[in-house]
């Protein structure tokens, strides 16, 4: 069950052409999944391949029940513009998995 997710923030043309291999040369979609234990607040970053910059990103909180109060406290580009950072607070009684995504290009 999904309780929360963040929008992929990117230019409209990127979303429109993301399925086409040659839409943006060198384009990549990167993900990392982290586990946030009950009662914890942590952050993590998914990084672009070296030499690429992030165009946008987002997150998806998975495994939370409908009454489990989890939320992202921040979702933003990494300080070097080379990845996407998300901080998540898990106020619920069980761990949740958070998938962090980034859209990158040269």
N, C-alpha and C. Protein backbone atom coordinates (compact mmCIF):
# COMPACT_ATOMS: atom_id res chain seq x y z
N UNK A 1 0.84 -1.17 0.00
CA UNK A 1 0.00 0.00 0.00
C UNK A 1 0.88 1.24 0.00
N UNK A 2 0.54 2.22 -0.76
CA UNK A 2 1.28 3.46 -0.85
C UNK A 2 0.53 4.53 -0.09
N UNK A 3 1.22 5.19 0.84
CA UNK A 3 0.55 6.25 1.60
C UNK A 3 0.93 7.64 1.11
N UNK A 4 2.11 7.77 0.56
CA UNK A 4 2.52 9.09 0.10
C UNK A 4 3.52 8.94 -1.02
N UNK A 5 3.53 9.88 -1.89
CA UNK A 5 4.56 9.92 -2.92
C UNK A 5 4.78 11.36 -3.34
N UNK A 6 5.98 11.62 -3.81
CA UNK A 6 6.31 12.97 -4.25
C UNK A 6 6.35 13.02 -5.76
N UNK A 7 6.05 14.14 -6.30
CA UNK A 7 6.02 14.31 -7.74
C UNK A 7 7.42 14.37 -8.31
N UNK A 8 7.55 13.84 -9.50
CA UNK A 8 8.77 14.04 -10.24
C UNK A 8 8.70 15.47 -10.78
N UNK A 9 9.69 16.26 -10.42
CA UNK A 9 9.70 17.65 -10.83
C UNK A 9 10.67 17.77 -12.00
N UNK A 10 10.15 18.04 -13.16
CA UNK A 10 11.00 18.13 -14.34
C UNK A 10 10.29 18.97 -15.39
N UNK A 11 11.00 19.23 -16.44
CA UNK A 11 10.43 19.99 -17.53
C UNK A 11 9.42 19.14 -18.28
N UNK A 12 8.33 19.75 -18.73
CA UNK A 12 7.27 19.03 -19.41
C UNK A 12 7.77 18.22 -20.60
N UNK A 13 8.73 18.75 -21.36
CA UNK A 13 9.21 18.02 -22.52
C UNK A 13 9.92 16.75 -22.10
N UNK A 14 10.56 16.73 -20.96
CA UNK A 14 11.25 15.52 -20.50
C UNK A 14 10.23 14.44 -20.18
N UNK A 15 9.17 14.78 -19.48
CA UNK A 15 8.14 13.81 -19.15
C UNK A 15 7.48 13.30 -20.43
N UNK A 16 7.19 14.20 -21.37
CA UNK A 16 6.52 13.81 -22.60
C UNK A 16 7.35 12.85 -23.44
N UNK A 17 8.66 13.00 -23.42
CA UNK A 17 9.52 12.19 -24.27
C UNK A 17 10.36 11.17 -23.50
N UNK A 18 10.07 10.97 -22.22
CA UNK A 18 10.89 10.07 -21.40
C UNK A 18 10.93 8.65 -21.94
N UNK A 19 9.89 8.21 -22.61
CA UNK A 19 9.86 6.85 -23.13
C UNK A 19 10.63 6.67 -24.43
N UNK A 20 11.09 7.74 -25.03
CA UNK A 20 11.82 7.64 -26.29
C UNK A 20 13.31 7.65 -26.02
N UNK A 21 14.00 6.64 -26.53
CA UNK A 21 15.42 6.46 -26.24
C UNK A 21 16.28 7.65 -26.64
N UNK A 22 15.94 8.34 -27.72
CA UNK A 22 16.78 9.43 -28.21
C UNK A 22 16.24 10.81 -27.85
N UNK A 23 15.27 10.90 -26.94
CA UNK A 23 14.66 12.18 -26.60
C UNK A 23 15.70 13.16 -26.07
N UNK A 24 16.49 12.75 -25.12
CA UNK A 24 17.58 13.56 -24.58
C UNK A 24 18.80 12.65 -24.51
N UNK A 25 19.81 12.89 -25.33
CA UNK A 25 20.99 12.03 -25.31
C UNK A 25 21.63 12.00 -23.91
N UNK A 26 21.91 10.82 -23.41
CA UNK A 26 22.55 10.67 -22.11
C UNK A 26 21.60 10.71 -20.93
N UNK A 27 20.30 10.86 -21.19
CA UNK A 27 19.29 10.90 -20.13
C UNK A 27 19.30 9.59 -19.33
N UNK A 28 19.08 9.67 -18.02
CA UNK A 28 18.95 8.47 -17.20
C UNK A 28 17.97 8.70 -16.06
N UNK A 29 17.35 7.62 -15.62
CA UNK A 29 16.44 7.63 -14.49
C UNK A 29 17.06 6.74 -13.42
N UNK A 30 17.42 7.31 -12.27
CA UNK A 30 18.11 6.57 -11.21
C UNK A 30 17.21 6.43 -9.99
N UNK A 31 17.31 5.30 -9.29
CA UNK A 31 16.54 5.10 -8.07
C UNK A 31 17.39 4.44 -7.00
N UNK A 32 17.01 4.66 -5.76
CA UNK A 32 17.57 3.96 -4.61
C UNK A 32 16.42 3.77 -3.63
N UNK A 33 16.42 2.64 -2.92
CA UNK A 33 15.38 2.37 -1.92
C UNK A 33 16.04 2.27 -0.55
N UNK A 34 15.47 2.99 0.41
CA UNK A 34 15.97 2.95 1.78
C UNK A 34 14.84 2.47 2.70
N UNK A 35 15.21 1.99 3.88
CA UNK A 35 14.24 1.60 4.89
C UNK A 35 14.33 2.58 6.05
N UNK A 36 13.18 3.08 6.47
CA UNK A 36 13.12 4.01 7.61
C UNK A 36 12.44 3.27 8.75
N UNK A 37 13.18 3.02 9.82
CA UNK A 37 12.64 2.30 10.97
C UNK A 37 11.57 3.14 11.68
N UNK A 38 10.70 2.46 12.40
CA UNK A 38 9.65 3.13 13.17
C UNK A 38 10.27 4.16 14.11
N UNK A 39 9.69 5.35 14.12
CA UNK A 39 10.15 6.41 15.01
C UNK A 39 11.38 7.16 14.54
N UNK A 40 11.89 6.86 13.36
CA UNK A 40 13.11 7.51 12.86
C UNK A 40 12.81 8.59 11.83
N UNK A 41 13.79 9.47 11.64
CA UNK A 41 13.75 10.54 10.65
C UNK A 41 15.11 10.53 9.97
N UNK A 42 15.16 10.11 8.70
CA UNK A 42 16.44 10.02 8.01
C UNK A 42 16.33 10.61 6.61
N UNK A 43 17.47 10.88 6.03
CA UNK A 43 17.55 11.38 4.67
C UNK A 43 18.52 10.55 3.87
N UNK A 44 18.33 10.55 2.57
CA UNK A 44 19.24 9.84 1.67
C UNK A 44 19.20 10.52 0.31
N UNK A 45 20.18 10.21 -0.51
CA UNK A 45 20.31 10.82 -1.83
C UNK A 45 20.54 9.75 -2.87
N UNK A 46 19.88 9.87 -4.01
CA UNK A 46 20.20 9.07 -5.18
C UNK A 46 21.03 9.98 -6.09
N UNK A 47 22.20 9.51 -6.50
CA UNK A 47 23.12 10.33 -7.28
C UNK A 47 23.07 9.99 -8.76
N UNK A 48 23.31 10.99 -9.57
CA UNK A 48 23.45 10.81 -11.02
C UNK A 48 24.82 10.18 -11.30
N UNK A 49 24.94 9.60 -12.48
CA UNK A 49 26.23 9.11 -12.92
C UNK A 49 27.17 10.31 -13.02
N UNK A 50 28.45 10.09 -12.74
CA UNK A 50 29.42 11.18 -12.75
C UNK A 50 29.36 11.97 -14.06
N UNK A 51 29.33 13.29 -13.93
CA UNK A 51 29.29 14.18 -15.09
C UNK A 51 27.89 14.59 -15.50
N UNK A 52 26.87 14.03 -14.85
CA UNK A 52 25.49 14.40 -15.18
C UNK A 52 24.90 15.23 -14.06
N UNK A 53 23.89 16.01 -14.39
CA UNK A 53 23.20 16.88 -13.43
C UNK A 53 21.75 16.44 -13.32
N UNK A 54 21.16 16.69 -12.16
CA UNK A 54 19.78 16.30 -11.92
C UNK A 54 18.83 17.33 -12.55
N UNK A 55 17.80 16.84 -13.23
CA UNK A 55 16.76 17.70 -13.79
C UNK A 55 15.53 17.74 -12.88
N UNK A 56 15.35 16.68 -12.09
CA UNK A 56 14.20 16.59 -11.20
C UNK A 56 14.25 15.29 -10.43
N UNK A 57 13.31 15.12 -9.50
CA UNK A 57 13.29 13.90 -8.71
C UNK A 57 12.04 13.81 -7.87
N UNK A 58 11.97 12.78 -7.05
CA UNK A 58 10.82 12.59 -6.20
C UNK A 58 10.99 11.37 -5.31
N UNK A 59 9.89 10.90 -4.72
CA UNK A 59 9.96 9.79 -3.78
C UNK A 59 8.63 9.05 -3.74
N UNK A 60 8.66 7.84 -3.18
CA UNK A 60 7.46 7.04 -2.99
C UNK A 60 7.63 6.29 -1.67
N UNK A 61 6.74 6.51 -0.70
CA UNK A 61 6.79 5.81 0.58
C UNK A 61 5.93 4.56 0.45
N UNK A 62 6.53 3.38 0.67
CA UNK A 62 5.86 2.11 0.48
C UNK A 62 5.78 1.33 1.78
N UNK A 63 4.72 0.56 1.94
CA UNK A 63 4.60 -0.34 3.08
C UNK A 63 3.92 0.27 4.29
N UNK A 64 3.40 1.45 4.17
CA UNK A 64 2.74 2.10 5.30
C UNK A 64 1.24 1.79 5.26
N UNK A 65 0.67 1.63 6.42
CA UNK A 65 -0.77 1.43 6.52
C UNK A 65 -1.50 2.76 6.40
N UNK A 66 -2.81 2.72 6.25
CA UNK A 66 -3.58 3.95 6.05
C UNK A 66 -3.55 4.90 7.25
N UNK A 67 -3.25 4.39 8.43
CA UNK A 67 -3.23 5.25 9.61
C UNK A 67 -1.81 5.56 10.08
N UNK A 68 -0.81 5.12 9.32
CA UNK A 68 0.58 5.34 9.71
C UNK A 68 1.04 6.70 9.22
N UNK A 69 1.33 7.64 10.12
CA UNK A 69 1.66 9.02 9.73
C UNK A 69 3.11 9.20 9.29
N UNK A 70 3.40 8.92 8.04
CA UNK A 70 4.73 9.11 7.48
C UNK A 70 4.70 10.28 6.53
N UNK A 71 5.80 10.99 6.46
CA UNK A 71 5.84 12.09 5.51
C UNK A 71 7.27 12.50 5.22
N UNK A 72 7.44 13.10 4.06
CA UNK A 72 8.74 13.65 3.68
C UNK A 72 8.85 15.06 4.25
N UNK A 73 9.96 15.34 4.89
CA UNK A 73 10.16 16.68 5.42
C UNK A 73 10.91 17.56 4.43
N UNK A 74 11.62 16.92 3.48
CA UNK A 74 12.32 17.66 2.42
C UNK A 74 12.43 16.77 1.20
N UNK A 75 12.37 17.36 0.02
CA UNK A 75 12.59 16.68 -1.25
C UNK A 75 13.15 17.75 -2.19
N UNK A 76 14.45 17.64 -2.53
CA UNK A 76 15.12 18.72 -3.25
C UNK A 76 16.38 18.21 -3.95
N UNK A 77 16.92 19.00 -4.90
CA UNK A 77 18.18 18.62 -5.53
C UNK A 77 19.30 18.58 -4.49
N UNK A 78 20.26 17.67 -4.69
CA UNK A 78 21.44 17.63 -3.83
C UNK A 78 22.24 18.92 -4.02
N UNK A 79 23.06 19.25 -3.05
CA UNK A 79 23.76 20.54 -3.07
C UNK A 79 24.64 20.73 -4.30
N UNK A 80 25.19 19.67 -4.86
CA UNK A 80 26.02 19.79 -6.05
C UNK A 80 25.25 19.64 -7.34
N UNK A 81 23.90 19.63 -7.25
CA UNK A 81 23.03 19.44 -8.43
C UNK A 81 23.33 18.13 -9.14
N UNK A 82 23.87 17.14 -8.41
CA UNK A 82 24.24 15.85 -9.00
C UNK A 82 23.41 14.69 -8.46
N UNK A 83 22.24 14.99 -7.88
CA UNK A 83 21.37 13.95 -7.34
C UNK A 83 20.14 14.56 -6.70
N UNK A 84 19.29 13.70 -6.14
CA UNK A 84 18.06 14.14 -5.49
C UNK A 84 18.05 13.64 -4.06
N UNK A 85 17.74 14.54 -3.11
CA UNK A 85 17.76 14.24 -1.69
C UNK A 85 16.33 14.25 -1.13
N UNK A 86 16.03 13.27 -0.27
CA UNK A 86 14.72 13.21 0.40
C UNK A 86 14.95 12.88 1.86
N UNK A 87 14.26 13.59 2.75
CA UNK A 87 14.25 13.29 4.18
C UNK A 87 12.85 12.81 4.53
N UNK A 88 12.76 11.71 5.28
CA UNK A 88 11.47 11.12 5.62
C UNK A 88 11.37 10.89 7.12
N UNK A 89 10.21 11.21 7.68
CA UNK A 89 9.91 10.93 9.09
C UNK A 89 8.90 9.80 9.12
N UNK A 90 9.21 8.77 9.93
CA UNK A 90 8.30 7.64 10.12
C UNK A 90 7.80 7.67 11.55
N UNK A 91 6.60 8.16 11.75
CA UNK A 91 5.99 8.22 13.08
C UNK A 91 5.17 6.98 13.40
N UNK A 92 5.16 6.01 12.48
CA UNK A 92 4.35 4.81 12.67
C UNK A 92 5.05 3.73 13.48
N UNK A 93 4.35 2.62 13.72
CA UNK A 93 4.88 1.53 14.54
C UNK A 93 5.71 0.50 13.77
N UNK A 94 5.80 0.63 12.45
CA UNK A 94 6.56 -0.36 11.66
C UNK A 94 7.42 0.35 10.62
N UNK A 95 8.48 -0.34 10.14
CA UNK A 95 9.35 0.28 9.14
C UNK A 95 8.63 0.50 7.80
N UNK A 96 9.11 1.47 7.04
CA UNK A 96 8.61 1.72 5.69
C UNK A 96 9.80 1.79 4.74
N UNK A 97 9.52 1.53 3.47
CA UNK A 97 10.53 1.62 2.43
C UNK A 97 10.25 2.88 1.61
N UNK A 98 11.30 3.59 1.28
CA UNK A 98 11.17 4.81 0.51
C UNK A 98 12.02 4.70 -0.74
N UNK A 99 11.38 4.80 -1.90
CA UNK A 99 12.11 4.81 -3.15
C UNK A 99 12.34 6.25 -3.56
N UNK A 100 13.61 6.61 -3.74
CA UNK A 100 14.00 7.97 -4.15
C UNK A 100 14.41 7.89 -5.62
N UNK A 101 13.92 8.81 -6.42
CA UNK A 101 14.19 8.80 -7.86
C UNK A 101 14.79 10.12 -8.31
N UNK A 102 15.62 10.03 -9.36
CA UNK A 102 16.22 11.23 -9.96
C UNK A 102 16.24 11.07 -11.47
N UNK A 103 15.96 12.16 -12.16
CA UNK A 103 16.11 12.23 -13.62
C UNK A 103 17.36 13.04 -13.88
N UNK A 104 18.30 12.46 -14.61
CA UNK A 104 19.60 13.09 -14.84
C UNK A 104 19.93 13.17 -16.33
N UNK A 105 20.77 14.13 -16.70
CA UNK A 105 21.23 14.28 -18.08
C UNK A 105 22.55 15.04 -18.06
N UNK A 106 23.32 14.91 -19.13
CA UNK A 106 24.60 15.64 -19.20
C UNK A 106 24.40 17.15 -19.26
